[in-house]
Protein backbone atom coordinates (compact mmCIF):
# COMPACT_ATOMS: atom_id res chain seq x y z
CA MET A 1 14.53 27.13 180.08
CA LYS A 2 16.11 29.30 182.78
CA ILE A 3 14.95 32.92 182.66
CA ALA A 4 16.42 35.86 184.57
CA MET A 5 14.31 38.92 185.30
CA ILE A 6 16.35 42.13 185.77
CA ASN A 7 15.19 45.70 186.42
CA GLU A 8 16.94 48.84 187.61
CA PHE A 9 16.29 51.27 190.48
CA SER A 10 13.53 53.40 188.95
CA GLN A 11 11.29 50.37 188.44
CA SER A 12 11.94 48.61 191.74
CA ALA A 13 8.30 49.10 192.78
CA LYS A 14 7.21 47.07 189.76
CA ASN A 15 9.60 44.18 190.41
CA SER A 16 6.98 42.09 192.19
CA ILE A 17 4.32 42.82 189.53
CA VAL A 18 6.54 41.74 186.64
CA LEU A 19 7.92 38.77 188.56
CA ASN A 20 4.45 37.55 189.46
CA GLU A 21 3.17 37.72 185.88
CA LEU A 22 6.30 36.08 184.48
CA LYS A 23 6.30 33.22 186.98
CA ASN A 24 2.56 32.60 186.64
CA VAL A 25 2.96 32.25 182.87
CA VAL A 26 6.23 30.34 182.45
CA GLU A 27 6.52 28.11 185.52
CA PRO A 28 3.55 25.94 184.43
CA MET A 29 5.46 25.49 181.14
CA GLY A 30 8.39 24.03 183.08
CA HIS A 31 10.64 27.10 182.96
CA THR A 32 12.57 28.46 185.98
CA VAL A 33 12.62 32.17 186.85
CA TYR A 34 15.42 33.98 188.73
CA ASN A 35 14.85 37.49 190.06
CA THR A 36 18.11 39.48 190.00
CA GLY A 37 16.48 42.91 189.70
CA MET A 38 16.16 45.68 192.25
CA THR A 39 13.20 45.33 194.63
CA THR A 40 11.12 47.67 196.77
CA GLU A 41 13.11 46.67 199.85
CA GLU A 42 16.26 47.95 198.13
CA ALA A 43 14.68 51.17 196.85
CA PRO A 44 16.15 53.37 199.63
CA LEU A 45 19.64 52.59 198.33
CA GLN A 46 21.40 55.57 196.78
CA LEU A 47 23.49 55.86 193.63
CA GLY A 48 26.92 54.41 194.31
CA GLU A 49 25.77 51.99 196.98
CA PRO A 50 26.13 48.23 196.42
CA GLY A 51 22.84 46.84 195.11
CA TYR A 52 21.74 50.08 193.44
CA LEU A 53 21.22 48.98 189.84
CA THR A 54 21.14 51.23 186.78
CA TYR A 55 20.62 50.06 183.21
CA LEU A 56 24.42 49.81 182.90
CA ASN A 57 24.36 47.14 185.59
CA ILE A 58 21.58 45.37 183.71
CA GLY A 59 23.92 44.97 180.74
CA VAL A 60 26.64 43.44 182.91
CA GLN A 61 24.25 41.04 184.62
CA ALA A 62 22.66 39.95 181.35
CA ALA A 63 26.03 39.37 179.69
CA LEU A 64 27.41 37.31 182.56
CA LEU A 65 24.28 35.21 182.93
CA LEU A 66 23.85 34.49 179.22
CA ASN A 67 27.50 33.99 178.30
CA SER A 68 28.09 31.69 181.26
CA GLY A 69 25.07 29.54 180.48
CA ALA A 70 23.57 30.33 183.89
CA VAL A 71 20.35 31.32 182.13
CA ASP A 72 18.95 30.92 178.63
CA PHE A 73 16.94 34.13 178.40
CA VAL A 74 16.71 37.54 180.07
CA VAL A 75 13.56 39.58 180.62
CA THR A 76 14.58 43.12 181.47
CA GLY A 77 13.47 46.71 181.22
CA CYS A 78 13.65 50.21 182.65
CA GLY A 79 11.42 53.28 182.50
CA THR A 80 11.45 53.61 178.71
CA GLY A 81 13.02 50.22 178.00
CA GLN A 82 15.63 51.96 175.85
CA GLY A 83 18.48 52.17 178.39
CA ALA A 84 18.24 48.47 179.22
CA LEU A 85 18.03 47.68 175.50
CA MET A 86 21.19 49.64 174.67
CA ALA A 87 23.12 48.35 177.68
CA CYS A 88 22.31 44.75 176.78
CA ASN A 89 23.03 45.09 173.08
CA MET A 90 26.47 46.64 173.63
CA MET A 91 27.58 43.48 175.46
CA PRO A 92 29.04 40.39 173.75
CA GLY A 93 26.70 37.45 173.38
CA VAL A 94 23.51 39.40 174.10
CA VAL A 95 20.88 40.11 171.43
CA CYS A 96 18.02 42.07 173.00
CA GLY A 97 14.75 43.16 171.41
CA TYR A 98 12.40 46.00 172.37
CA CYS A 99 9.02 44.74 173.51
CA LEU A 100 6.14 47.18 173.96
CA GLU A 101 3.25 44.85 173.16
CA PRO A 102 2.57 41.14 172.50
CA SER A 103 3.16 41.38 168.75
CA ASP A 104 6.70 42.65 169.45
CA ALA A 105 7.33 39.57 171.59
CA PHE A 106 5.99 37.22 168.93
CA LEU A 107 7.95 38.76 166.05
CA PHE A 108 11.21 38.97 168.01
CA TRP A 109 10.81 35.38 169.22
CA GLN A 110 10.06 33.99 165.77
CA ILE A 111 12.19 36.19 163.51
CA ASN A 112 15.16 37.55 165.44
CA ASN A 113 15.67 34.55 167.74
CA GLY A 114 17.52 36.63 170.35
CA ASN A 115 18.10 35.92 174.03
CA ALA A 116 16.68 38.98 175.83
CA ILE A 117 13.77 41.40 175.69
CA SER A 118 13.53 44.90 177.15
CA ILE A 119 10.15 46.22 178.27
CA PRO A 120 9.23 49.85 179.09
CA TYR A 121 7.90 49.66 182.64
CA ALA A 122 6.98 53.34 183.02
CA LYS A 123 5.78 54.28 179.53
CA GLY A 124 2.08 53.49 179.25
CA PHE A 125 2.13 51.39 182.43
CA GLY A 126 -1.40 52.12 183.61
CA TRP A 127 -4.67 50.22 183.73
CA GLY A 128 -4.25 46.70 182.41
CA ALA A 129 -0.46 46.84 182.51
CA GLU A 130 -0.23 43.47 184.20
CA ILE A 131 -2.56 42.00 181.54
CA ASN A 132 -0.29 43.33 178.79
CA LEU A 133 2.72 41.79 180.55
CA ARG A 134 0.93 38.48 180.92
CA ILE A 135 0.07 38.32 177.22
CA ILE A 136 3.60 39.38 176.25
CA PHE A 137 5.03 36.50 178.27
CA GLN A 138 2.42 34.04 176.99
CA THR A 139 3.15 35.07 173.42
CA ALA A 140 6.91 34.89 173.84
CA PHE A 141 7.33 31.64 175.72
CA SER A 142 4.43 29.45 174.56
CA SER A 143 5.94 28.36 171.23
CA PRO A 144 9.35 27.28 169.91
CA LYS A 145 11.73 30.07 168.88
CA GLY A 146 12.76 30.77 165.34
CA MET A 147 9.69 29.39 163.54
CA GLY A 148 9.68 32.37 161.18
CA TYR A 149 7.02 34.88 160.24
CA PRO A 150 5.64 34.46 157.73
CA ALA A 151 6.51 30.76 157.94
CA GLU A 152 7.90 30.57 154.39
CA ARG A 153 10.67 33.00 155.39
CA LYS A 154 11.86 30.85 158.31
CA GLU A 155 15.08 29.66 156.65
CA SER A 156 16.38 33.09 155.66
CA GLN A 157 15.32 34.67 158.96
CA ASN A 158 17.09 31.97 161.00
CA ARG A 159 20.19 32.38 158.85
CA ASN A 160 20.25 36.15 159.42
CA ALA A 161 19.63 35.77 163.15
CA ALA A 162 22.54 33.34 163.45
CA LYS A 163 24.74 35.66 161.39
CA LEU A 164 23.96 38.53 163.76
CA PHE A 165 25.41 36.53 166.66
CA GLU A 166 28.46 35.67 164.51
CA VAL A 167 29.03 39.30 163.50
CA LYS A 168 28.74 40.45 167.10
CA GLU A 169 31.26 37.84 168.22
CA ALA A 170 33.63 38.94 165.46
CA ILE A 171 33.58 42.67 166.23
CA ALA A 172 33.17 42.64 170.03
CA LYS A 173 35.81 42.00 172.66
CA PRO A 174 35.57 38.70 174.52
CA LEU A 175 33.41 39.25 177.60
CA VAL A 176 36.25 38.91 180.11
CA ASP A 177 38.27 41.54 178.24
CA ALA A 178 35.21 43.79 177.95
CA LEU A 179 34.53 43.57 181.69
CA LYS A 180 38.16 44.36 182.48
CA ALA A 181 38.04 47.39 180.16
CA MET A 182 34.92 48.79 181.83
CA ASP A 183 34.65 50.98 184.90
CA GLN A 184 35.21 48.34 187.59
CA ASP A 185 32.76 50.07 189.90
CA ILE A 186 29.95 49.27 187.46
CA VAL A 187 31.01 45.64 187.24
CA LYS A 188 31.39 45.12 190.99
CA LYS A 189 28.07 46.77 191.84
CA SER A 190 26.32 44.48 189.39
CA LEU A 191 27.29 41.46 191.50
CA THR A 192 24.37 41.58 193.93
CA PRO A 193 23.56 38.62 196.20
CA ARG A 194 20.55 37.44 194.14
CA PHE A 195 22.52 37.81 190.94
CA LEU A 196 25.41 35.76 192.33
CA GLU A 197 23.01 33.09 193.56
CA CYS A 198 21.62 32.74 190.03
CA PHE A 199 25.07 32.94 188.41
CA TYR A 200 26.75 30.31 190.57
CA ALA A 201 23.74 27.98 190.41
CA GLY A 202 24.06 27.58 186.65
CA CYS A 203 27.42 28.93 185.47
CA GLN A 204 29.02 26.61 182.91
CA ASN A 205 32.03 28.79 182.12
CA GLU A 206 34.96 28.42 184.51
CA GLU A 207 36.77 31.50 183.16
CA LEU A 208 33.79 33.74 183.88
CA LYS A 209 33.25 32.11 187.27
CA ALA A 210 36.88 32.82 188.22
């Protein structure tokens, strides 16, 4: 599985912490991690500058990476986790869950079968925060998705999760049309060098690549 980690400006100082925990957990499982979030080195950037990411940019990055097939899953977040959650879920082809603790990761992974999680990186991020992250990632990525909880409800839960993707596809604009309808400044400033490296390395959609 290819996993992208994305964070916005306010949590740039935590980029290395989250990245380290994610990589230490999932790389031994055979997964690949791409870091397209904002880092400490980029923290001096100001609003409006290229590379300055807000949660709106997170939504654009997640949508492009997931819809193009460049990655299979997105781990994201912001201060509260809510902005990243909303920005992701408004985009076509992205189903993002809110993940505050390991049980959230387990239930989302097994019941909702989505393709992104949003974590609050400022709320309650104190002693043991890296341990909580580690267990969240272990819980999420150590078992197959969509196994159901409780197990006897697997069939109906998988059916509803698949229907959610179908409903979203039916009511949302195609991604290219959605990106064209957006403020182009938001779209362009989402295309940071590390994002583009990840996107071009795995993009399977020629229309989105163009």
